[in-house]
Amino acid sequence: LYAIGIVAATFHFSSGLWGFCISWGILIGRRAQTNAGYVFALLGLVLTIMGLSTVVEFSLHPVGVEATEPG
């Protein structure tokens, strides 16, 4: 479930940045939009890999929580 959320969030973030650059006139030409699409897709892929590796690391090596004494 976490993995689906990470993939969805990183896709939404990277495609949102691409759409922002187009709608605000930062990327005007078709070639610039295509090249930026590759850059933002790579950004989304890198963020997805980082997020999924974090989930895998926490699932393989859970953090132990020890009880503390009150006071």
N, C-alpha and C. Protein backbone atom coordinates (compact mmCIF):
# COMPACT_ATOMS: atom_id res chain seq x y z
N LEU A 1 0.82 -1.19 0.00
CA LEU A 1 0.00 0.00 0.00
C LEU A 1 0.87 1.25 0.00
N TYR A 2 1.94 1.24 0.78
CA TYR A 2 2.85 2.39 0.79
C TYR A 2 3.50 2.58 -0.57
N ALA A 3 3.85 1.49 -1.22
CA ALA A 3 4.51 1.57 -2.52
C ALA A 3 3.62 2.23 -3.56
N ILE A 4 2.33 1.90 -3.54
CA ILE A 4 1.40 2.52 -4.48
C ILE A 4 1.30 4.01 -4.22
N GLY A 5 1.26 4.39 -2.95
CA GLY A 5 1.21 5.81 -2.60
C GLY A 5 2.46 6.56 -3.02
N ILE A 6 3.61 5.94 -2.87
CA ILE A 6 4.86 6.59 -3.27
C ILE A 6 4.91 6.78 -4.79
N VAL A 7 4.53 5.76 -5.52
CA VAL A 7 4.52 5.87 -6.98
C VAL A 7 3.53 6.94 -7.43
N ALA A 8 2.35 6.96 -6.83
CA ALA A 8 1.34 7.95 -7.21
C ALA A 8 1.80 9.37 -6.87
N ALA A 9 2.40 9.55 -5.70
CA ALA A 9 2.84 10.88 -5.28
C ALA A 9 3.98 11.39 -6.14
N THR A 10 4.94 10.54 -6.46
CA THR A 10 6.06 11.00 -7.27
C THR A 10 5.64 11.28 -8.71
N PHE A 11 4.71 10.47 -9.24
CA PHE A 11 4.19 10.75 -10.57
C PHE A 11 3.44 12.08 -10.59
N HIS A 12 2.60 12.28 -9.60
CA HIS A 12 1.81 13.52 -9.52
C HIS A 12 2.73 14.73 -9.38
N PHE A 13 3.78 14.61 -8.58
CA PHE A 13 4.71 15.71 -8.37
C PHE A 13 5.46 16.06 -9.65
N SER A 14 6.04 15.06 -10.30
CA SER A 14 6.85 15.34 -11.48
C SER A 14 6.00 15.79 -12.67
N SER A 15 4.85 15.19 -12.86
CA SER A 15 3.99 15.65 -13.95
C SER A 15 3.38 17.01 -13.64
N GLY A 16 3.17 17.31 -12.37
CA GLY A 16 2.69 18.63 -11.99
C GLY A 16 3.71 19.71 -12.26
N LEU A 17 4.97 19.43 -12.01
CA LEU A 17 6.03 20.39 -12.33
C LEU A 17 6.10 20.63 -13.84
N TRP A 18 5.98 19.56 -14.62
CA TRP A 18 6.00 19.69 -16.07
C TRP A 18 4.81 20.53 -16.55
N GLY A 19 3.63 20.24 -16.03
CA GLY A 19 2.45 21.01 -16.41
C GLY A 19 2.54 22.46 -15.98
N PHE A 20 3.12 22.71 -14.82
CA PHE A 20 3.33 24.08 -14.35
C PHE A 20 4.23 24.85 -15.30
N CYS A 21 5.32 24.23 -15.71
CA CYS A 21 6.25 24.91 -16.62
C CYS A 21 5.60 25.21 -17.97
N ILE A 22 4.71 24.36 -18.41
CA ILE A 22 4.03 24.61 -19.68
C ILE A 22 2.96 25.69 -19.52
N SER A 23 2.15 25.59 -18.48
CA SER A 23 1.04 26.53 -18.33
C SER A 23 1.50 27.94 -17.97
N TRP A 24 2.65 28.08 -17.34
CA TRP A 24 3.16 29.40 -16.99
C TRP A 24 4.06 29.98 -18.08
N GLY A 25 4.20 29.29 -19.18
CA GLY A 25 4.96 29.82 -20.30
C GLY A 25 6.46 29.67 -20.17
N ILE A 26 6.91 28.83 -19.27
CA ILE A 26 8.35 28.61 -19.13
C ILE A 26 8.85 27.74 -20.28
N LEU A 27 8.05 26.76 -20.66
CA LEU A 27 8.38 25.88 -21.78
C LEU A 27 7.42 26.18 -22.92
N ILE A 28 7.89 26.94 -23.90
CA ILE A 28 6.99 27.40 -24.96
C ILE A 28 6.99 26.44 -26.15
N GLY A 29 8.14 26.09 -26.64
CA GLY A 29 8.24 25.26 -27.85
C GLY A 29 7.97 23.79 -27.59
N ARG A 30 7.60 23.11 -28.65
CA ARG A 30 7.31 21.67 -28.56
C ARG A 30 8.57 20.89 -28.18
N ARG A 31 9.71 21.30 -28.74
CA ARG A 31 10.97 20.60 -28.42
C ARG A 31 11.35 20.80 -26.96
N ALA A 32 11.17 22.00 -26.45
CA ALA A 32 11.48 22.27 -25.03
C ALA A 32 10.55 21.47 -24.13
N GLN A 33 9.29 21.36 -24.50
CA GLN A 33 8.33 20.58 -23.71
C GLN A 33 8.70 19.10 -23.71
N THR A 34 9.12 18.60 -24.86
CA THR A 34 9.50 17.19 -24.95
C THR A 34 10.75 16.91 -24.11
N ASN A 35 11.75 17.77 -24.25
CA ASN A 35 12.98 17.57 -23.48
C ASN A 35 12.73 17.69 -21.98
N ALA A 36 11.92 18.66 -21.59
CA ALA A 36 11.59 18.81 -20.17
C ALA A 36 10.77 17.62 -19.68
N GLY A 37 9.97 17.05 -20.55
CA GLY A 37 9.22 15.85 -20.19
C GLY A 37 10.14 14.70 -19.82
N TYR A 38 11.22 14.56 -20.57
CA TYR A 38 12.21 13.53 -20.24
C TYR A 38 12.90 13.82 -18.91
N VAL A 39 13.22 15.09 -18.69
CA VAL A 39 13.89 15.48 -17.44
C VAL A 39 12.98 15.22 -16.25
N PHE A 40 11.71 15.62 -16.35
CA PHE A 40 10.79 15.42 -15.23
C PHE A 40 10.43 13.95 -15.05
N ALA A 41 10.42 13.18 -16.14
CA ALA A 41 10.21 11.73 -16.01
C ALA A 41 11.38 11.09 -15.27
N LEU A 42 12.59 11.54 -15.57
CA LEU A 42 13.76 11.04 -14.86
C LEU A 42 13.72 11.44 -13.40
N LEU A 43 13.30 12.67 -13.13
CA LEU A 43 13.14 13.12 -11.74
C LEU A 43 12.13 12.24 -11.00
N GLY A 44 11.00 11.97 -11.64
CA GLY A 44 10.00 11.10 -11.03
C GLY A 44 10.52 9.70 -10.79
N LEU A 45 11.30 9.19 -11.72
CA LEU A 45 11.87 7.85 -11.56
C LEU A 45 12.86 7.81 -10.41
N VAL A 46 13.70 8.83 -10.31
CA VAL A 46 14.69 8.88 -9.21
C VAL A 46 13.98 8.98 -7.86
N LEU A 47 12.97 9.84 -7.77
CA LEU A 47 12.23 9.97 -6.51
C LEU A 47 11.48 8.69 -6.16
N THR A 48 10.95 8.01 -7.17
CA THR A 48 10.27 6.74 -6.93
C THR A 48 11.24 5.69 -6.40
N ILE A 49 12.40 5.60 -7.00
CA ILE A 49 13.40 4.63 -6.54
C ILE A 49 13.84 4.95 -5.12
N MET A 50 14.05 6.23 -4.82
CA MET A 50 14.44 6.61 -3.46
C MET A 50 13.35 6.25 -2.45
N GLY A 51 12.10 6.54 -2.79
CA GLY A 51 11.00 6.24 -1.88
C GLY A 51 10.80 4.75 -1.67
N LEU A 52 10.86 3.99 -2.76
CA LEU A 52 10.67 2.54 -2.64
C LEU A 52 11.84 1.89 -1.90
N SER A 53 13.05 2.40 -2.10
CA SER A 53 14.18 1.83 -1.37
C SER A 53 14.06 2.12 0.12
N THR A 54 13.47 3.24 0.48
CA THR A 54 13.23 3.54 1.89
C THR A 54 12.23 2.56 2.48
N VAL A 55 11.16 2.26 1.75
CA VAL A 55 10.17 1.30 2.23
C VAL A 55 10.80 -0.08 2.39
N VAL A 56 11.60 -0.48 1.42
CA VAL A 56 12.25 -1.79 1.49
C VAL A 56 13.20 -1.84 2.68
N GLU A 57 13.97 -0.78 2.88
CA GLU A 57 14.93 -0.76 3.99
C GLU A 57 14.22 -0.84 5.34
N PHE A 58 13.14 -0.10 5.52
CA PHE A 58 12.41 -0.16 6.78
C PHE A 58 11.72 -1.51 6.98
N SER A 59 11.31 -2.16 5.90
CA SER A 59 10.66 -3.47 6.06
C SER A 59 11.69 -4.57 6.36
N LEU A 60 12.90 -4.43 5.83
CA LEU A 60 13.93 -5.44 6.10
C LEU A 60 14.62 -5.23 7.44
N HIS A 61 14.73 -3.99 7.87
CA HIS A 61 15.42 -3.66 9.12
C HIS A 61 14.52 -2.76 9.97
N PRO A 62 13.51 -3.34 10.62
CA PRO A 62 12.59 -2.51 11.41
C PRO A 62 13.31 -1.85 12.58
N VAL A 63 12.83 -0.68 12.92
CA VAL A 63 13.40 0.08 14.03
C VAL A 63 12.79 -0.42 15.32
N GLY A 64 13.62 -0.85 16.24
CA GLY A 64 13.13 -1.35 17.52
C GLY A 64 12.83 -0.20 18.48
N VAL A 65 11.70 -0.28 19.13
CA VAL A 65 11.31 0.72 20.11
C VAL A 65 11.28 0.05 21.47
N GLU A 66 12.08 0.56 22.37
CA GLU A 66 12.14 -0.02 23.70
C GLU A 66 11.31 0.81 24.67
N ALA A 67 10.70 0.13 25.62
CA ALA A 67 9.87 0.81 26.61
C ALA A 67 10.76 1.63 27.55
N THR A 68 10.27 2.78 27.92
CA THR A 68 11.00 3.62 28.87
C THR A 68 10.23 3.67 30.18
N GLU A 69 10.93 3.98 31.22
CA GLU A 69 10.28 4.09 32.52
C GLU A 69 9.62 5.45 32.65
N PRO A 70 8.42 5.49 33.21
CA PRO A 70 7.75 6.79 33.36
C PRO A 70 8.50 7.68 34.35
N GLY A 71 8.45 8.97 34.06
CA GLY A 71 9.05 9.95 34.98
C GLY A 71 10.38 10.26 34.54
